[in-house]
Amino acid sequence: MTRFSAKLFQEMIKLEINRKDVVISPIAVHAMLALIYRASEGETLSEVQRVGEFNQHPVFSWPWTSSD
């Protein structure tokens, strides 16, 4: 989460919006990416996984996947 937060703030510095009063919550952004991650597939899944730095360890997929 620390690395994600640092990268998020680095990107915000590059944007024009940073010149105004803006409050950003890395935890909230990451939570929204997690929701998108669970519902996406294909290229979108790959991109969200990369940006959100989601681990593919099986324990992080429970209980949404089946072990049949």
PDB file of N, CA and C in Angstrom:
ATOM      1  N   MET A   1       0.814  -1.185   0.000  1.00  0.00           N
ATOM      2  CA  MET A   1       0.000   0.000   0.000  1.00  0.00           C
ATOM      3  C   MET A   1       0.866   1.261   0.000  1.00  0.00           C
ATOM      4  N   THR A   2       2.001   1.201   0.669  1.00  0.00           N
ATOM      5  CA  THR A   2       2.885   2.365   0.722  1.00  0.00           C
ATOM      6  C   THR A   2       3.413   2.713  -0.662  1.00  0.00           C
ATOM      7  N   ARG A   3       3.830   1.699  -1.408  1.00  0.00           N
ATOM      8  CA  ARG A   3       4.347   1.939  -2.758  1.00  0.00           C
ATOM      9  C   ARG A   3       3.244   2.474  -3.662  1.00  0.00           C
ATOM     10  N   PHE A   4       2.038   1.916  -3.554  1.00  0.00           N
ATOM     11  CA  PHE A   4       0.900   2.397  -4.337  1.00  0.00           C
ATOM     12  C   PHE A   4       0.623   3.867  -4.019  1.00  0.00           C
ATOM     13  N   SER A   5       0.615   4.223  -2.742  1.00  0.00           N
ATOM     14  CA  SER A   5       0.350   5.604  -2.325  1.00  0.00           C
ATOM     15  C   SER A   5       1.396   6.558  -2.885  1.00  0.00           C
ATOM     16  N   ALA A   6       2.653   6.167  -2.805  1.00  0.00           N
ATOM     17  CA  ALA A   6       3.730   7.019  -3.313  1.00  0.00           C
ATOM     18  C   ALA A   6       3.586   7.235  -4.816  1.00  0.00           C
ATOM     19  N   LYS A   7       3.283   6.158  -5.556  1.00  0.00           N
ATOM     20  CA  LYS A   7       3.118   6.292  -7.009  1.00  0.00           C
ATOM     21  C   LYS A   7       1.905   7.157  -7.343  1.00  0.00           C
ATOM     22  N   LEU A   8       0.823   7.015  -6.577  1.00  0.00           N
ATOM     23  CA  LEU A   8      -0.372   7.821  -6.806  1.00  0.00           C
ATOM     24  C   LEU A   8      -0.057   9.303  -6.631  1.00  0.00           C
ATOM     25  N   PHE A   9       0.626   9.656  -5.556  1.00  0.00           N
ATOM     26  CA  PHE A   9       0.968  11.055  -5.323  1.00  0.00           C
ATOM     27  C   PHE A   9       1.951  11.578  -6.366  1.00  0.00           C
ATOM     28  N   GLN A  10       2.871  10.749  -6.837  1.00  0.00           N
ATOM     29  CA  GLN A  10       3.786  11.172  -7.900  1.00  0.00           C
ATOM     30  C   GLN A  10       3.017  11.518  -9.165  1.00  0.00           C
ATOM     31  N   GLU A  11       2.015  10.716  -9.490  1.00  0.00           N
ATOM     32  CA  GLU A  11       1.198  10.992 -10.678  1.00  0.00           C
ATOM     33  C   GLU A  11       0.341  12.239 -10.482  1.00  0.00           C
ATOM     34  N   MET A  12      -0.169  12.452  -9.287  1.00  0.00           N
ATOM     35  CA  MET A  12      -0.996  13.632  -9.017  1.00  0.00           C
ATOM     36  C   MET A  12      -0.187  14.918  -9.166  1.00  0.00           C
ATOM     37  N   ILE A  13       1.086  14.864  -8.795  1.00  0.00           N
ATOM     38  CA  ILE A  13       1.948  16.037  -8.923  1.00  0.00           C
ATOM     39  C   ILE A  13       2.061  16.460 -10.381  1.00  0.00           C
ATOM     40  N   LYS A  14       2.044  15.503 -11.296  1.00  0.00           N
ATOM     41  CA  LYS A  14       2.172  15.784 -12.726  1.00  0.00           C
ATOM     42  C   LYS A  14       0.923  16.435 -13.311  1.00  0.00           C
ATOM     43  N   LEU A  15      -0.219  16.248 -12.658  1.00  0.00           N
ATOM     44  CA  LEU A  15      -1.486  16.726 -13.205  1.00  0.00           C
ATOM     45  C   LEU A  15      -1.749  18.182 -12.859  1.00  0.00           C
ATOM     46  N   GLU A  16      -2.476  18.843 -13.722  1.00  0.00           N
ATOM     47  CA  GLU A  16      -2.863  20.236 -13.518  1.00  0.00           C
ATOM     48  C   GLU A  16      -3.727  20.394 -12.264  1.00  0.00           C
ATOM     49  N   ILE A  17      -4.518  19.387 -11.943  1.00  0.00           N
ATOM     50  CA  ILE A  17      -5.422  19.457 -10.794  1.00  0.00           C
ATOM     51  C   ILE A  17      -4.657  19.669  -9.490  1.00  0.00           C
ATOM     52  N   ASN A  18      -3.391  19.293  -9.474  1.00  0.00           N
ATOM     53  CA  ASN A  18      -2.585  19.426  -8.269  1.00  0.00           C
ATOM     54  C   ASN A  18      -2.359  20.882  -7.887  1.00  0.00           C
ATOM     55  N   ARG A  19      -2.602  21.801  -8.797  1.00  0.00           N
ATOM     56  CA  ARG A  19      -2.382  23.216  -8.516  1.00  0.00           C
ATOM     57  C   ARG A  19      -3.551  23.835  -7.755  1.00  0.00           C
ATOM     58  N   LYS A  20      -4.553  23.060  -7.476  1.00  0.00           N
ATOM     59  CA  LYS A  20      -5.710  23.520  -6.717  1.00  0.00           C
ATOM     60  C   LYS A  20      -5.757  22.750  -5.407  1.00  0.00           C
ATOM     61  N   ASP A  21      -6.664  23.158  -4.542  1.00  0.00           N
ATOM     62  CA  ASP A  21      -6.827  22.441  -3.275  1.00  0.00           C
ATOM     63  C   ASP A  21      -7.546  21.128  -3.533  1.00  0.00           C
ATOM     64  N   VAL A  22      -6.824  20.041  -3.391  1.00  0.00           N
ATOM     65  CA  VAL A  22      -7.372  18.715  -3.659  1.00  0.00           C
ATOM     66  C   VAL A  22      -6.989  17.786  -2.506  1.00  0.00           C
ATOM     67  N   VAL A  23      -7.941  16.983  -2.104  1.00  0.00           N
ATOM     68  CA  VAL A  23      -7.673  15.962  -1.094  1.00  0.00           C
ATOM     69  C   VAL A  23      -7.858  14.614  -1.768  1.00  0.00           C
ATOM     70  N   ILE A  24      -6.887  13.747  -1.592  1.00  0.00           N
ATOM     71  CA  ILE A  24      -6.959  12.419  -2.207  1.00  0.00           C
ATOM     72  C   ILE A  24      -6.658  11.371  -1.142  1.00  0.00           C
ATOM     73  N   SER A  25      -7.397  10.295  -1.170  1.00  0.00           N
ATOM     74  CA  SER A  25      -7.188   9.203  -0.225  1.00  0.00           C
ATOM     75  C   SER A  25      -6.686   7.978  -0.980  1.00  0.00           C
ATOM     76  N   PRO A  26      -5.412   7.637  -0.827  1.00  0.00           N
ATOM     77  CA  PRO A  26      -4.896   6.448  -1.501  1.00  0.00           C
ATOM     78  C   PRO A  26      -5.663   5.182  -1.117  1.00  0.00           C
ATOM     79  N   ILE A  27      -6.128   5.113   0.112  1.00  0.00           N
ATOM     80  CA  ILE A  27      -6.883   3.928   0.539  1.00  0.00           C
ATOM     81  C   ILE A  27      -8.200   3.835  -0.218  1.00  0.00           C
ATOM     82  N   ALA A  28      -8.890   4.967  -0.384  1.00  0.00           N
ATOM     83  CA  ALA A  28     -10.160   4.966  -1.118  1.00  0.00           C
ATOM     84  C   ALA A  28      -9.936   4.626  -2.590  1.00  0.00           C
ATOM     85  N   VAL A  29      -8.888   5.182  -3.189  1.00  0.00           N
ATOM     86  CA  VAL A  29      -8.579   4.885  -4.593  1.00  0.00           C
ATOM     87  C   VAL A  29      -8.271   3.397  -4.746  1.00  0.00           C
ATOM     88  N   HIS A  30      -7.492   2.855  -3.839  1.00  0.00           N
ATOM     89  CA  HIS A  30      -7.131   1.439  -3.899  1.00  0.00           C
ATOM     90  C   HIS A  30      -8.362   0.552  -3.701  1.00  0.00           C
ATOM     91  N   ALA A  31      -9.263   0.963  -2.814  1.00  0.00           N
ATOM     92  CA  ALA A  31     -10.498   0.196  -2.590  1.00  0.00           C
ATOM     93  C   ALA A  31     -11.358   0.174  -3.847  1.00  0.00           C
ATOM     94  N   MET A  32     -11.448   1.302  -4.549  1.00  0.00           N
ATOM     95  CA  MET A  32     -12.217   1.347  -5.796  1.00  0.00           C
ATOM     96  C   MET A  32     -11.564   0.471  -6.864  1.00  0.00           C
ATOM     97  N   LEU A  33     -10.236   0.492  -6.932  1.00  0.00           N
ATOM     98  CA  LEU A  33      -9.536  -0.384  -7.871  1.00  0.00           C
ATOM     99  C   LEU A  33      -9.795  -1.853  -7.539  1.00  0.00           C
ATOM    100  N   ALA A  34      -9.885  -2.172  -6.252  1.00  0.00           N
ATOM    101  CA  ALA A  34     -10.160  -3.556  -5.848  1.00  0.00           C
ATOM    102  C   ALA A  34     -11.538  -3.998  -6.330  1.00  0.00           C
ATOM    103  N   LEU A  35     -12.516  -3.110  -6.263  1.00  0.00           N
ATOM    104  CA  LEU A  35     -13.854  -3.441  -6.764  1.00  0.00           C
ATOM    105  C   LEU A  35     -13.827  -3.673  -8.273  1.00  0.00           C
ATOM    106  N   ILE A  36     -13.119  -2.797  -8.979  1.00  0.00           N
ATOM    107  CA  ILE A  36     -13.002  -2.940 -10.435  1.00  0.00           C
ATOM    108  C   ILE A  36     -12.247  -4.227 -10.771  1.00  0.00           C
ATOM    109  N   TYR A  37     -11.202  -4.508 -10.011  1.00  0.00           N
ATOM    110  CA  TYR A  37     -10.384  -5.709 -10.217  1.00  0.00           C
ATOM    111  C   TYR A  37     -11.228  -6.973 -10.139  1.00  0.00           C
ATOM    112  N   ARG A  38     -12.099  -7.060  -9.142  1.00  0.00           N
ATOM    113  CA  ARG A  38     -12.923  -8.257  -8.961  1.00  0.00           C
ATOM    114  C   ARG A  38     -13.911  -8.453 -10.100  1.00  0.00           C
ATOM    115  N   ALA A  39     -14.287  -7.368 -10.792  1.00  0.00           N
ATOM    116  CA  ALA A  39     -15.310  -7.465 -11.837  1.00  0.00           C
ATOM    117  C   ALA A  39     -14.733  -7.431 -13.249  1.00  0.00           C
ATOM    118  N   SER A  40     -13.418  -7.305 -13.374  1.00  0.00           N
ATOM    119  CA  SER A  40     -12.837  -7.143 -14.706  1.00  0.00           C
ATOM    120  C   SER A  40     -12.216  -8.443 -15.216  1.00  0.00           C
ATOM    121  N   GLU A  41     -11.883  -8.410 -16.504  1.00  0.00           N
ATOM    122  CA  GLU A  41     -11.223  -9.556 -17.131  1.00  0.00           C
ATOM    123  C   GLU A  41     -10.372  -9.047 -18.283  1.00  0.00           C
ATOM    124  N   GLY A  42      -9.537  -9.909 -18.807  1.00  0.00           N
ATOM    125  CA  GLY A  42      -8.718  -9.579 -19.970  1.00  0.00           C
ATOM    126  C   GLY A  42      -7.725  -8.462 -19.708  1.00  0.00           C
ATOM    127  N   GLU A  43      -7.634  -7.549 -20.667  1.00  0.00           N
ATOM    128  CA  GLU A  43      -6.667  -6.450 -20.590  1.00  0.00           C
ATOM    129  C   GLU A  43      -6.956  -5.527 -19.410  1.00  0.00           C
ATOM    130  N   THR A  44      -8.238  -5.275 -19.152  1.00  0.00           N
ATOM    131  CA  THR A  44      -8.601  -4.428 -18.015  1.00  0.00           C
ATOM    132  C   THR A  44      -8.120  -5.052 -16.712  1.00  0.00           C
ATOM    133  N   LEU A  45      -8.314  -6.349 -16.559  1.00  0.00           N
ATOM    134  CA  LEU A  45      -7.851  -7.058 -15.366  1.00  0.00           C
ATOM    135  C   LEU A  45      -6.340  -6.902 -15.203  1.00  0.00           C
ATOM    136  N   SER A  46      -5.610  -7.082 -16.287  1.00  0.00           N
ATOM    137  CA  SER A  46      -4.146  -6.966 -16.236  1.00  0.00           C
ATOM    138  C   SER A  46      -3.707  -5.569 -15.823  1.00  0.00           C
ATOM    139  N   GLU A  47      -4.352  -4.554 -16.389  1.00  0.00           N
ATOM    140  CA  GLU A  47      -3.989  -3.172 -16.076  1.00  0.00           C
ATOM    141  C   GLU A  47      -4.316  -2.814 -14.627  1.00  0.00           C
ATOM    142  N   VAL A  48      -5.505  -3.193 -14.177  1.00  0.00           N
ATOM    143  CA  VAL A  48      -5.894  -2.886 -12.797  1.00  0.00           C
ATOM    144  C   VAL A  48      -4.994  -3.640 -11.824  1.00  0.00           C
ATOM    145  N   GLN A  49      -4.652  -4.872 -12.153  1.00  0.00           N
ATOM    146  CA  GLN A  49      -3.752  -5.657 -11.307  1.00  0.00           C
ATOM    147  C   GLN A  49      -2.387  -4.985 -11.218  1.00  0.00           C
ATOM    148  N   ARG A  50      -1.889  -4.490 -12.339  1.00  0.00           N
ATOM    149  CA  ARG A  50      -0.581  -3.827 -12.360  1.00  0.00           C
ATOM    150  C   ARG A  50      -0.612  -2.526 -11.565  1.00  0.00           C
ATOM    151  N   VAL A  51      -1.602  -1.688 -11.837  1.00  0.00           N
ATOM    152  CA  VAL A  51      -1.686  -0.383 -11.182  1.00  0.00           C
ATOM    153  C   VAL A  51      -1.962  -0.534  -9.686  1.00  0.00           C
ATOM    154  N   GLY A  52      -2.880  -1.432  -9.341  1.00  0.00           N
ATOM    155  CA  GLY A  52      -3.239  -1.617  -7.938  1.00  0.00           C
ATOM    156  C   GLY A  52      -2.297  -2.507  -7.168  1.00  0.00           C
ATOM    157  N   GLU A  53      -1.351  -3.114  -7.890  1.00  0.00           N
ATOM    158  CA  GLU A  53      -0.366  -4.018  -7.292  1.00  0.00           C
ATOM    159  C   GLU A  53      -1.047  -5.138  -6.501  1.00  0.00           C
ATOM    160  N   PHE A  54      -2.068  -5.741  -7.115  1.00  0.00           N
ATOM    161  CA  PHE A  54      -2.781  -6.837  -6.472  1.00  0.00           C
ATOM    162  C   PHE A  54      -1.998  -8.128  -6.640  1.00  0.00           C
ATOM    163  N   ASN A  55      -1.826  -8.843  -5.558  1.00  0.00           N
ATOM    164  CA  ASN A  55      -1.092 -10.098  -5.532  1.00  0.00           C
ATOM    165  C   ASN A  55      -1.992 -11.214  -6.045  1.00  0.00           C
ATOM    166  N   GLN A  56      -1.438 -12.136  -6.786  1.00  0.00           N
ATOM    167  CA  GLN A  56      -2.218 -13.246  -7.329  1.00  0.00           C
ATOM    168  C   GLN A  56      -2.206 -14.479  -6.433  1.00  0.00           C
ATOM    169  N   HIS A  57      -1.697 -14.372  -5.235  1.00  0.00           N
ATOM    170  CA  HIS A  57      -1.692 -15.509  -4.321  1.00  0.00           C
ATOM    171  C   HIS A  57      -3.130 -15.974  -4.091  1.00  0.00           C
ATOM    172  N   PRO A  58      -3.385 -17.286  -4.097  1.00  0.00           N
ATOM    173  CA  PRO A  58      -4.757 -17.804  -3.965  1.00  0.00           C
ATOM    174  C   PRO A  58      -5.518 -17.299  -2.743  1.00  0.00           C
ATOM    175  N   VAL A  59      -4.817 -17.020  -1.656  1.00  0.00           N
ATOM    176  CA  VAL A  59      -5.513 -16.566  -0.454  1.00  0.00           C
ATOM    177  C   VAL A  59      -6.225 -15.233  -0.689  1.00  0.00           C
ATOM    178  N   PHE A  60      -5.732 -14.425  -1.632  1.00  0.00           N
ATOM    179  CA  PHE A  60      -6.360 -13.139  -1.899  1.00  0.00           C
ATOM    180  C   PHE A  60      -7.584 -13.267  -2.791  1.00  0.00           C
ATOM    181  N   SER A  61      -7.793 -14.406  -3.380  1.00  0.00           N
ATOM    182  CA  SER A  61      -8.954 -14.628  -4.240  1.00  0.00           C
ATOM    183  C   SER A  61     -10.135 -15.223  -3.483  1.00  0.00           C
ATOM    184  N   TRP A  62      -9.902 -15.786  -2.318  1.00  0.00           N
ATOM    185  CA  TRP A  62     -10.970 -16.380  -1.531  1.00  0.00           C
ATOM    186  C   TRP A  62     -11.919 -15.304  -1.064  1.00  0.00           C
ATOM    187  N   PRO A  63     -13.207 -15.472  -1.011  1.00  0.00           N
ATOM    188  CA  PRO A  63     -14.002 -16.656  -1.310  1.00  0.00           C
ATOM    189  C   PRO A  63     -14.604 -16.616  -2.701  1.00  0.00           C
ATOM    190  N   TRP A  64     -14.073 -15.803  -3.590  1.00  0.00           N
ATOM    191  CA  TRP A  64     -14.701 -15.598  -4.888  1.00  0.00           C
ATOM    192  C   TRP A  64     -14.364 -16.672  -5.911  1.00  0.00           C
ATOM    193  N   THR A  65     -13.390 -17.505  -5.631  1.00  0.00           N
ATOM    194  CA  THR A  65     -13.050 -18.565  -6.576  1.00  0.00           C
ATOM    195  C   THR A  65     -13.367 -19.922  -5.964  1.00  0.00           C
ATOM    196  N   SER A  66     -13.565 -20.876  -6.820  1.00  0.00           N
ATOM    197  CA  SER A  66     -13.911 -22.217  -6.368  1.00  0.00           C
ATOM    198  C   SER A  66     -12.690 -23.121  -6.475  1.00  0.00           C
ATOM    199  N   SER A  67     -12.565 -24.055  -5.565  1.00  0.00           N
ATOM    200  CA  SER A  67     -11.445 -24.997  -5.608  1.00  0.00           C
ATOM    201  C   SER A  67     -11.915 -26.381  -6.049  1.00  0.00           C
ATOM    202  N   ASP A  68     -13.020 -26.432  -6.793  1.00  0.00           N
ATOM    203  CA  ASP A  68     -13.589 -27.722  -7.247  1.00  0.00           C
ATOM    204  C   ASP A  68     -12.576 -28.526  -8.016  1.00  0.00           C
TER     205      ASP A  68
END
